[in-house]
Amino acid sequence: MLPWFPTFMLLMHLFFPIVRIPGPGGTAPSGGGGGPVFVNSVCGGGSTSSSQAFTSAVDMTVNGGASVILIGTSTYSANGPSNAPGDGTNTYTEVSHPGWSTSTQGQWQWWYKESPTVTSSMVFSTPSLTISFPELCVIGFGGTITGGGDSAVTQGTNVNATTLTIPSGTPGHNAEVIVAGISISAAATMAINGSFTGLKEVNYNLGTAFGAAIAYWIQTTATASGPQWSGPGVSQQMAGGQVGWRSQ
C-alpha cells in the first residue's frame, strides 16, 4: 500500500461523505417513529333540517392519509341512540355512547373506521329521519394507529351546568391519541383545558341542531386524561366523552 493512501482516503471521507440513495419509492426512510399523526378534522350540523347533518368536504389524504377515522355524533337523547353516520363509502362501528342519558337533552356517541378508504374530498353525514337535532364532528389520524380503542380511556358523563368534566381514564399504552367531544343544548364558544388541541366546533342552531365540539391530545407517555369543557355563561345541558386509540 502506498504510504499516502490512508491519508487520502480520510480526506475523501471528510470532504465527500457517503450519501444514502433513496430506493424505488423516491424518498429515503426517516428515523421517526410510527405513532399517531393528525390528518384532518371537520364538524357539521343541520341548517334547515332537524333530522340530518352534513359536514363540508374534507381532505383525509394529507399527512400520509388517515388510517383511522373517528366520528362523534351529538343528538337529542329523547329519540334514543343514533344509527351509524357515514361518508358514502366506509362503514362505521360504534365505540360507545358514554354521554347517553334519558334524563338530559343531549347525547354523545363515538364511531370509528380503521383502514378506511380515503379521498381528498370526503363528506360525512348522519342518517336521515332516525335522530333529531344532529351534529357531528369527524377527525382522522395516520401512522401505525391500528390497535383499536382503549376501554380504559373511554369515559363519558352529562350535566346541567356551565362546565363538563369527563371522568379521568389512563391509557393502557404509550403514544395513544385521546379524542374528547361534547354535545351542548345552547349556543356557546367552547374551550377545553389541559393538553388538548385542534378544537373544532359547530354551533347550536335553534330548531335544527345541538352544538358539538371535538379536540385531541397525542400523548408520548401514557398519562391520565379527564378534560373539562367550558363555554356557556349559564347552566346548559351537556353530554360528552373521550375515547383513546392506540398505535402498534
C-alpha atoms as a PDB file:
ATOM      1  CA  MET A   1       0.000   0.000   0.000  1.00  0.00           C
ATOM      2  CA  LEU A   2       1.271   3.439  -0.882  1.00  0.00           C
ATOM      3  CA  PRO A   3       2.236   5.415   2.264  1.00  0.00           C
ATOM      4  CA  TRP A   4      -0.060   8.320   1.397  1.00  0.00           C
ATOM      5  CA  PHE A   5      -3.186   6.193   0.681  1.00  0.00           C
ATOM      6  CA  PRO A   6      -4.735   6.143   4.231  1.00  0.00           C
ATOM      7  CA  THR A   7      -4.443   9.936   4.461  1.00  0.00           C
ATOM      8  CA  PHE A   8      -6.007  10.281   1.012  1.00  0.00           C
ATOM      9  CA  MET A   9      -8.984   8.076   1.988  1.00  0.00           C
ATOM     10  CA  LEU A  10      -9.561  10.041   5.210  1.00  0.00           C
ATOM     11  CA  LEU A  11      -9.671  13.305   3.291  1.00  0.00           C
ATOM     12  CA  MET A  12     -12.089  11.795   0.754  1.00  0.00           C
ATOM     13  CA  HIS A  13     -14.426  10.715   3.604  1.00  0.00           C
ATOM     14  CA  LEU A  14     -14.342  14.169   5.209  1.00  0.00           C
ATOM     15  CA  PHE A  15     -14.982  16.191   2.078  1.00  0.00           C
ATOM     16  CA  PHE A  16     -17.203  13.707   0.189  1.00  0.00           C
ATOM     17  CA  PRO A  17     -19.409  11.938   2.778  1.00  0.00           C
ATOM     18  CA  ILE A  18     -21.325   8.833   1.806  1.00  0.00           C
ATOM     19  CA  VAL A  19     -24.875   9.673   0.691  1.00  0.00           C
ATOM     20  CA  ARG A  20     -27.703   7.158   1.100  1.00  0.00           C
ATOM     21  CA  ILE A  21     -29.612   6.911  -2.177  1.00  0.00           C
ATOM     22  CA  PRO A  22     -33.419   6.593  -1.879  1.00  0.00           C
ATOM     23  CA  GLY A  23     -34.997   3.359  -3.019  1.00  0.00           C
ATOM     24  CA  PRO A  24     -37.706   2.940  -5.658  1.00  0.00           C
ATOM     25  CA  GLY A  25     -40.166   4.965  -3.590  1.00  0.00           C
ATOM     26  CA  GLY A  26     -38.083   8.076  -4.183  1.00  0.00           C
ATOM     27  CA  THR A  27     -37.559   9.027  -0.530  1.00  0.00           C
ATOM     28  CA  ALA A  28     -35.091   7.612   1.911  1.00  0.00           C
ATOM     29  CA  PRO A  29     -36.698   6.276   5.091  1.00  0.00           C
ATOM     30  CA  SER A  30     -36.711   8.691   8.013  1.00  0.00           C
ATOM     31  CA  GLY A  31     -35.716   7.825  11.528  1.00  0.00           C
ATOM     32  CA  GLY A  32     -39.074   8.895  13.007  1.00  0.00           C
ATOM     33  CA  GLY A  33     -41.486   6.611  14.835  1.00  0.00           C
ATOM     34  CA  GLY A  34     -44.858   5.366  13.718  1.00  0.00           C
ATOM     35  CA  GLY A  35     -47.134   6.892  16.340  1.00  0.00           C
ATOM     36  CA  PRO A  36     -50.372   8.790  15.653  1.00  0.00           C
ATOM     37  CA  VAL A  37     -50.282  11.725  13.232  1.00  0.00           C
ATOM     38  CA  PHE A  38     -53.133  14.225  12.943  1.00  0.00           C
ATOM     39  CA  VAL A  39     -54.599  14.258   9.428  1.00  0.00           C
ATOM     40  CA  ASN A  40     -57.690  16.496   9.402  1.00  0.00           C
ATOM     41  CA  SER A  41     -60.968  17.290  11.157  1.00  0.00           C
ATOM     42  CA  VAL A  42     -64.336  18.858  10.438  1.00  0.00           C
ATOM     43  CA  CYS A  43     -67.678  19.451  12.170  1.00  0.00           C
ATOM     44  CA  GLY A  44     -71.088  19.936  10.597  1.00  0.00           C
ATOM     45  CA  GLY A  45     -74.738  20.240  11.509  1.00  0.00           C
ATOM     46  CA  GLY A  46     -78.240  20.654  10.220  1.00  0.00           C
ATOM     47  CA  SER A  47     -79.109  24.029   8.743  1.00  0.00           C
ATOM     48  CA  THR A  48     -82.701  23.554   7.577  1.00  0.00           C
ATOM     49  CA  SER A  49     -83.444  20.005   8.733  1.00  0.00           C
ATOM     50  CA  SER A  50     -83.739  18.747  12.297  1.00  0.00           C
ATOM     51  CA  SER A  51     -83.227  15.134  11.195  1.00  0.00           C
ATOM     52  CA  GLN A  52     -79.912  15.069   9.272  1.00  0.00           C
ATOM     53  CA  ALA A  53     -76.498  16.718   9.498  1.00  0.00           C
ATOM     54  CA  PHE A  54     -73.685  17.095   6.943  1.00  0.00           C
ATOM     55  CA  THR A  55     -70.079  18.266   7.017  1.00  0.00           C
ATOM     56  CA  SER A  56     -68.333  20.250   4.335  1.00  0.00           C
ATOM     57  CA  ALA A  57     -65.838  18.323   2.194  1.00  0.00           C
ATOM     58  CA  VAL A  58     -62.595  17.468   3.999  1.00  0.00           C
ATOM     59  CA  ASP A  59     -59.298  16.022   2.733  1.00  0.00           C
ATOM     60  CA  MET A  60     -58.358  12.804   4.549  1.00  0.00           C
ATOM     61  CA  THR A  61     -55.343  12.052   2.320  1.00  0.00           C
ATOM     62  CA  VAL A  62     -52.945  14.685   3.735  1.00  0.00           C
ATOM     63  CA  ASN A  63     -50.036  13.822   6.044  1.00  0.00           C
ATOM     64  CA  GLY A  64     -49.899  10.310   4.650  1.00  0.00           C
ATOM     65  CA  GLY A  65     -53.651   9.724   4.849  1.00  0.00           C
ATOM     66  CA  ALA A  66     -55.939   8.617   7.662  1.00  0.00           C
ATOM     67  CA  SER A  67     -55.525   5.078   8.994  1.00  0.00           C
ATOM     68  CA  VAL A  68     -58.412   5.589  11.417  1.00  0.00           C
ATOM     69  CA  ILE A  69     -61.389   7.967  11.289  1.00  0.00           C
ATOM     70  CA  LEU A  70     -63.329   8.767  14.467  1.00  0.00           C
ATOM     71  CA  ILE A  71     -66.778  10.384  14.402  1.00  0.00           C
ATOM     72  CA  GLY A  72     -68.644  11.898  17.329  1.00  0.00           C
ATOM     73  CA  THR A  73     -72.383  12.470  16.963  1.00  0.00           C
ATOM     74  CA  SER A  74     -74.408  14.922  19.035  1.00  0.00           C
ATOM     75  CA  THR A  75     -78.162  14.307  19.132  1.00  0.00           C
ATOM     76  CA  TYR A  76     -81.343  14.775  21.132  1.00  0.00           C
ATOM     77  CA  SER A  77     -81.460  11.963  23.676  1.00  0.00           C
ATOM     78  CA  ALA A  78     -85.241  11.533  23.858  1.00  0.00           C
ATOM     79  CA  ASN A  79     -85.209   9.764  20.474  1.00  0.00           C
ATOM     80  CA  GLY A  80     -82.680   7.138  21.529  1.00  0.00           C
ATOM     81  CA  PRO A  81     -79.200   6.333  20.228  1.00  0.00           C
ATOM     82  CA  SER A  82     -78.269   7.306  16.702  1.00  0.00           C
ATOM     83  CA  ASN A  83     -77.715   4.913  13.837  1.00  0.00           C
ATOM     84  CA  ALA A  84     -74.267   4.966  12.260  1.00  0.00           C
ATOM     85  CA  PRO A  85     -73.099   8.044  10.351  1.00  0.00           C
ATOM     86  CA  GLY A  86     -71.354   7.557   7.030  1.00  0.00           C
ATOM     87  CA  ASP A  87     -69.376   9.019   4.144  1.00  0.00           C
ATOM     88  CA  GLY A  88     -70.850   7.087   1.221  1.00  0.00           C
ATOM     89  CA  THR A  89     -68.005   4.534   1.154  1.00  0.00           C
ATOM     90  CA  ASN A  90     -66.915   3.316   4.594  1.00  0.00           C
ATOM     91  CA  THR A  91     -68.992   1.528   7.246  1.00  0.00           C
ATOM     92  CA  TYR A  92     -68.602   2.863  10.786  1.00  0.00           C
ATOM     93  CA  THR A  93     -68.834   0.871  14.020  1.00  0.00           C
ATOM     94  CA  GLU A  94     -69.947   2.299  17.353  1.00  0.00           C
ATOM     95  CA  VAL A  95     -67.292   2.624  20.062  1.00  0.00           C
ATOM     96  CA  SER A  96     -69.663   3.692  22.818  1.00  0.00           C
ATOM     97  CA  HIS A  97     -72.183   6.375  23.689  1.00  0.00           C
ATOM     98  CA  PRO A  98     -70.861   7.348  27.111  1.00  0.00           C
ATOM     99  CA  GLY A  99     -72.799  10.605  27.207  1.00  0.00           C
ATOM    100  CA  TRP A 100     -76.129   8.867  26.677  1.00  0.00           C
ATOM    101  CA  SER A 101     -78.802   9.547  29.289  1.00  0.00           C
ATOM    102  CA  THR A 102     -82.562   9.858  29.015  1.00  0.00           C
ATOM    103  CA  SER A 103     -82.554  12.404  31.824  1.00  0.00           C
ATOM    104  CA  THR A 104     -80.773  15.060  29.772  1.00  0.00           C
ATOM    105  CA  GLN A 105     -81.493  16.636  26.423  1.00  0.00           C
ATOM    106  CA  GLY A 106     -78.299  15.724  24.610  1.00  0.00           C
ATOM    107  CA  GLN A 107     -76.240  12.620  23.967  1.00  0.00           C
ATOM    108  CA  TRP A 108     -72.787  11.958  22.547  1.00  0.00           C
ATOM    109  CA  GLN A 109     -71.769   8.804  20.662  1.00  0.00           C
ATOM    110  CA  TRP A 110     -68.468   7.599  19.140  1.00  0.00           C
ATOM    111  CA  TRP A 111     -67.973   5.766  15.858  1.00  0.00           C
ATOM    112  CA  TYR A 112     -64.832   4.546  14.072  1.00  0.00           C
ATOM    113  CA  LYS A 113     -63.390   3.004  10.930  1.00  0.00           C
ATOM    114  CA  GLU A 114     -59.877   1.571  10.795  1.00  0.00           C
ATOM    115  CA  SER A 115     -58.021   1.345   7.456  1.00  0.00           C
ATOM    116  CA  PRO A 116     -60.686   3.452   5.703  1.00  0.00           C
ATOM    117  CA  THR A 117     -60.849   4.261   2.033  1.00  0.00           C
ATOM    118  CA  VAL A 118     -59.977   7.961   1.948  1.00  0.00           C
ATOM    119  CA  THR A 119     -60.197  10.715  -0.643  1.00  0.00           C
ATOM    120  CA  SER A 120     -59.331  14.399  -0.843  1.00  0.00           C
ATOM    121  CA  SER A 121     -62.991  15.431  -0.665  1.00  0.00           C
ATOM    122  CA  MET A 122     -64.953  13.419   1.897  1.00  0.00           C
ATOM    123  CA  VAL A 123     -68.409  14.493   3.113  1.00  0.00           C
ATOM    124  CA  PHE A 124     -69.793  12.928   6.284  1.00  0.00           C
ATOM    125  CA  SER A 125     -73.437  12.795   7.356  1.00  0.00           C
ATOM    126  CA  THR A 126     -75.833  11.359   9.902  1.00  0.00           C
ATOM    127  CA  PRO A 127     -78.611   9.074   8.634  1.00  0.00           C
ATOM    128  CA  SER A 128     -81.833  10.818   7.693  1.00  0.00           C
ATOM    129  CA  LEU A 129     -85.041  10.625   9.777  1.00  0.00           C
ATOM    130  CA  THR A 130     -83.555   8.457  12.527  1.00  0.00           C
ATOM    131  CA  ILE A 131     -82.454  11.099  15.028  1.00  0.00           C
ATOM    132  CA  SER A 132     -83.299  14.686  15.910  1.00  0.00           C
ATOM    133  CA  PHE A 133     -81.229  17.874  16.032  1.00  0.00           C
ATOM    134  CA  PRO A 134     -77.999  16.140  14.969  1.00  0.00           C
ATOM    135  CA  GLU A 135     -74.483  17.473  14.559  1.00  0.00           C
ATOM    136  CA  LEU A 136     -71.272  15.529  14.021  1.00  0.00           C
ATOM    137  CA  CYS A 137     -67.523  16.026  14.330  1.00  0.00           C
ATOM    138  CA  VAL A 138     -65.019  13.942  12.364  1.00  0.00           C
ATOM    139  CA  ILE A 139     -61.278  13.520  12.922  1.00  0.00           C
ATOM    140  CA  GLY A 140     -58.680  11.396  11.164  1.00  0.00           C
ATOM    141  CA  PHE A 141     -55.264  10.149  12.273  1.00  0.00           C
ATOM    142  CA  GLY A 142     -52.473   8.464  10.342  1.00  0.00           C
ATOM    143  CA  GLY A 143     -49.404   6.478  11.325  1.00  0.00           C
ATOM    144  CA  THR A 144     -49.470   2.901  12.555  1.00  0.00           C
ATOM    145  CA  ILE A 145     -52.614   3.595  14.563  1.00  0.00           C
ATOM    146  CA  THR A 146     -54.395   0.298  14.079  1.00  0.00           C
ATOM    147  CA  GLY A 147     -54.540  -1.042  17.603  1.00  0.00           C
ATOM    148  CA  GLY A 148     -58.217  -0.371  18.312  1.00  0.00           C
ATOM    149  CA  GLY A 149     -59.978   1.578  21.025  1.00  0.00           C
ATOM    150  CA  ASP A 150     -58.756   1.649  24.620  1.00  0.00           C
ATOM    151  CA  SER A 151     -61.602   0.932  27.032  1.00  0.00           C
ATOM    152  CA  ALA A 152     -59.539   2.299  29.924  1.00  0.00           C
ATOM    153  CA  VAL A 153     -59.874   5.789  28.446  1.00  0.00           C
ATOM    154  CA  THR A 154     -63.419   5.655  27.082  1.00  0.00           C
ATOM    155  CA  GLN A 155     -65.398   7.674  29.600  1.00  0.00           C
ATOM    156  CA  GLY A 156     -68.497   9.863  29.487  1.00  0.00           C
ATOM    157  CA  THR A 157     -70.873  11.935  31.563  1.00  0.00           C
ATOM    158  CA  ASN A 158     -73.642  14.517  31.359  1.00  0.00           C
ATOM    159  CA  VAL A 159     -74.521  17.585  33.435  1.00  0.00           C
ATOM    160  CA  ASN A 160     -76.730  20.642  33.599  1.00  0.00           C
ATOM    161  CA  ALA A 161     -74.035  23.204  34.379  1.00  0.00           C
ATOM    162  CA  THR A 162     -71.581  25.712  32.915  1.00  0.00           C
ATOM    163  CA  THR A 163     -68.752  23.137  32.668  1.00  0.00           C
ATOM    164  CA  LEU A 164     -68.492  19.420  31.935  1.00  0.00           C
ATOM    165  CA  THR A 165     -65.597  17.352  33.275  1.00  0.00           C
ATOM    166  CA  ILE A 166     -65.076  13.966  31.651  1.00  0.00           C
ATOM    167  CA  PRO A 167     -64.175  11.220  34.170  1.00  0.00           C
ATOM    168  CA  SER A 168     -60.451  10.515  34.160  1.00  0.00           C
ATOM    169  CA  GLY A 169     -59.023   7.499  32.392  1.00  0.00           C
ATOM    170  CA  THR A 170     -55.404   6.399  31.981  1.00  0.00           C
ATOM    171  CA  PRO A 171     -54.318   4.882  28.650  1.00  0.00           C
ATOM    172  CA  GLY A 172     -53.017   1.340  28.753  1.00  0.00           C
ATOM    173  CA  HIS A 173     -50.267   2.158  26.264  1.00  0.00           C
ATOM    174  CA  ASN A 174     -47.831   4.921  25.404  1.00  0.00           C
ATOM    175  CA  ALA A 175     -48.320   7.006  22.260  1.00  0.00           C
ATOM    176  CA  GLU A 176     -52.117   6.911  22.317  1.00  0.00           C
ATOM    177  CA  VAL A 177     -54.290   9.639  20.866  1.00  0.00           C
ATOM    178  CA  ILE A 178     -57.128  10.829  23.115  1.00  0.00           C
ATOM    179  CA  VAL A 179     -60.138  12.485  21.496  1.00  0.00           C
ATOM    180  CA  ALA A 180     -62.718  14.399  23.544  1.00  0.00           C
ATOM    181  CA  GLY A 181     -66.151  15.508  22.358  1.00  0.00           C
ATOM    182  CA  ILE A 182     -69.220  17.293  23.692  1.00  0.00           C
ATOM    183  CA  SER A 183     -72.890  17.927  22.869  1.00  0.00           C
ATOM    184  CA  ILE A 184     -74.448  21.149  24.159  1.00  0.00           C
ATOM    185  CA  SER A 185     -78.018  22.423  24.125  1.00  0.00           C
ATOM    186  CA  ALA A 186     -77.257  26.122  23.616  1.00  0.00           C
ATOM    187  CA  ALA A 187     -75.062  28.462  21.615  1.00  0.00           C
ATOM    188  CA  ALA A 188     -71.586  28.820  23.132  1.00  0.00           C
ATOM    189  CA  THR A 189     -67.950  29.135  22.147  1.00  0.00           C
ATOM    190  CA  MET A 190     -66.403  26.063  23.710  1.00  0.00           C
ATOM    191  CA  ALA A 191     -62.988  25.653  25.339  1.00  0.00           C
ATOM    192  CA  ILE A 192     -61.138  22.649  26.747  1.00  0.00           C
ATOM    193  CA  ASN A 193     -58.320  22.588  29.275  1.00  0.00           C
ATOM    194  CA  GLY A 194     -55.160  20.533  29.625  1.00  0.00           C
ATOM    195  CA  SER A 195     -53.023  19.405  26.694  1.00  0.00           C
ATOM    196  CA  PHE A 196     -55.867  19.069  24.193  1.00  0.00           C
ATOM    197  CA  THR A 197     -55.514  20.925  20.917  1.00  0.00           C
ATOM    198  CA  GLY A 198     -57.107  21.265  17.488  1.00  0.00           C
ATOM    199  CA  LEU A 199     -60.518  22.249  18.845  1.00  0.00           C
ATOM    200  CA  LYS A 200     -63.180  22.175  16.142  1.00  0.00           C
ATOM    201  CA  GLU A 201     -66.833  23.021  16.766  1.00  0.00           C
ATOM    202  CA  VAL A 202     -70.195  23.661  15.175  1.00  0.00           C
ATOM    203  CA  ASN A 203     -72.634  25.901  16.978  1.00  0.00           C
ATOM    204  CA  TYR A 204     -76.103  25.232  18.282  1.00  0.00           C
ATOM    205  CA  ASN A 205     -78.804  26.133  15.780  1.00  0.00           C
ATOM    206  CA  LEU A 206     -82.233  26.718  17.297  1.00  0.00           C
ATOM    207  CA  GLY A 207     -84.777  24.245  15.932  1.00  0.00           C
ATOM    208  CA  THR A 208     -82.285  22.297  13.790  1.00  0.00           C
ATOM    209  CA  ALA A 209     -79.227  21.127  15.712  1.00  0.00           C
ATOM    210  CA  PHE A 210     -77.477  20.844  19.063  1.00  0.00           C
ATOM    211  CA  GLY A 211     -73.945  22.212  19.396  1.00  0.00           C
ATOM    212  CA  ALA A 212     -70.901  19.953  19.151  1.00  0.00           C
ATOM    213  CA  ALA A 213     -67.140  20.230  19.610  1.00  0.00           C
ATOM    214  CA  ILE A 214     -64.107  17.958  19.422  1.00  0.00           C
ATOM    215  CA  ALA A 215     -60.399  18.175  20.366  1.00  0.00           C
ATOM    216  CA  TYR A 216     -57.445  15.780  20.598  1.00  0.00           C
ATOM    217  CA  TRP A 217     -54.265  15.019  22.536  1.00  0.00           C
ATOM    218  CA  ILE A 218     -51.470  12.880  21.080  1.00  0.00           C
ATOM    219  CA  GLN A 219     -49.570  11.506  24.061  1.00  0.00           C
ATOM    220  CA  THR A 220     -45.976  10.343  24.259  1.00  0.00           C
ATOM    221  CA  THR A 221     -46.200   8.629  27.634  1.00  0.00           C
ATOM    222  CA  ALA A 222     -49.467   7.209  28.969  1.00  0.00           C
ATOM    223  CA  THR A 223     -50.984   9.951  31.132  1.00  0.00           C
ATOM    224  CA  ALA A 224     -54.347  10.194  32.897  1.00  0.00           C
ATOM    225  CA  SER A 225     -56.883  12.215  30.902  1.00  0.00           C
ATOM    226  CA  GLY A 226     -60.006  13.865  32.327  1.00  0.00           C
ATOM    227  CA  PRO A 227     -60.512  17.159  30.476  1.00  0.00           C
ATOM    228  CA  GLN A 228     -63.000  19.866  31.358  1.00  0.00           C
ATOM    229  CA  TRP A 229     -65.152  21.579  28.742  1.00  0.00           C
ATOM    230  CA  SER A 230     -66.373  25.127  29.353  1.00  0.00           C
ATOM    231  CA  GLY A 231     -68.126  27.829  27.365  1.00  0.00           C
ATOM    232  CA  PRO A 232     -71.739  28.586  28.235  1.00  0.00           C
ATOM    233  CA  GLY A 233     -72.221  31.538  30.568  1.00  0.00           C
ATOM    234  CA  VAL A 234     -75.223  29.921  32.253  1.00  0.00           C
ATOM    235  CA  SER A 235     -76.094  26.304  33.026  1.00  0.00           C
ATOM    236  CA  GLN A 236     -76.867  24.177  29.969  1.00  0.00           C
ATOM    237  CA  GLN A 237     -77.499  20.511  29.221  1.00  0.00           C
ATOM    238  CA  MET A 238     -74.190  18.960  28.134  1.00  0.00           C
ATOM    239  CA  ALA A 239     -73.158  15.378  27.385  1.00  0.00           C
ATOM    240  CA  GLY A 240     -69.663  14.346  26.400  1.00  0.00           C
ATOM    241  CA  GLY A 241     -66.976  11.723  26.418  1.00  0.00           C
ATOM    242  CA  GLN A 242     -63.472  10.780  25.410  1.00  0.00           C
ATOM    243  CA  VAL A 243     -62.002   7.835  23.583  1.00  0.00           C
ATOM    244  CA  GLY A 244     -58.417   6.560  23.337  1.00  0.00           C
ATOM    245  CA  TRP A 245     -56.906   4.977  20.242  1.00  0.00           C
ATOM    246  CA  ARG A 246     -53.620   3.189  20.453  1.00  0.00           C
ATOM    247  CA  SER A 247     -50.842   2.634  17.967  1.00  0.00           C
ATOM    248  CA  GLN A 248     -48.878  -0.554  17.444  1.00  0.00           C
END
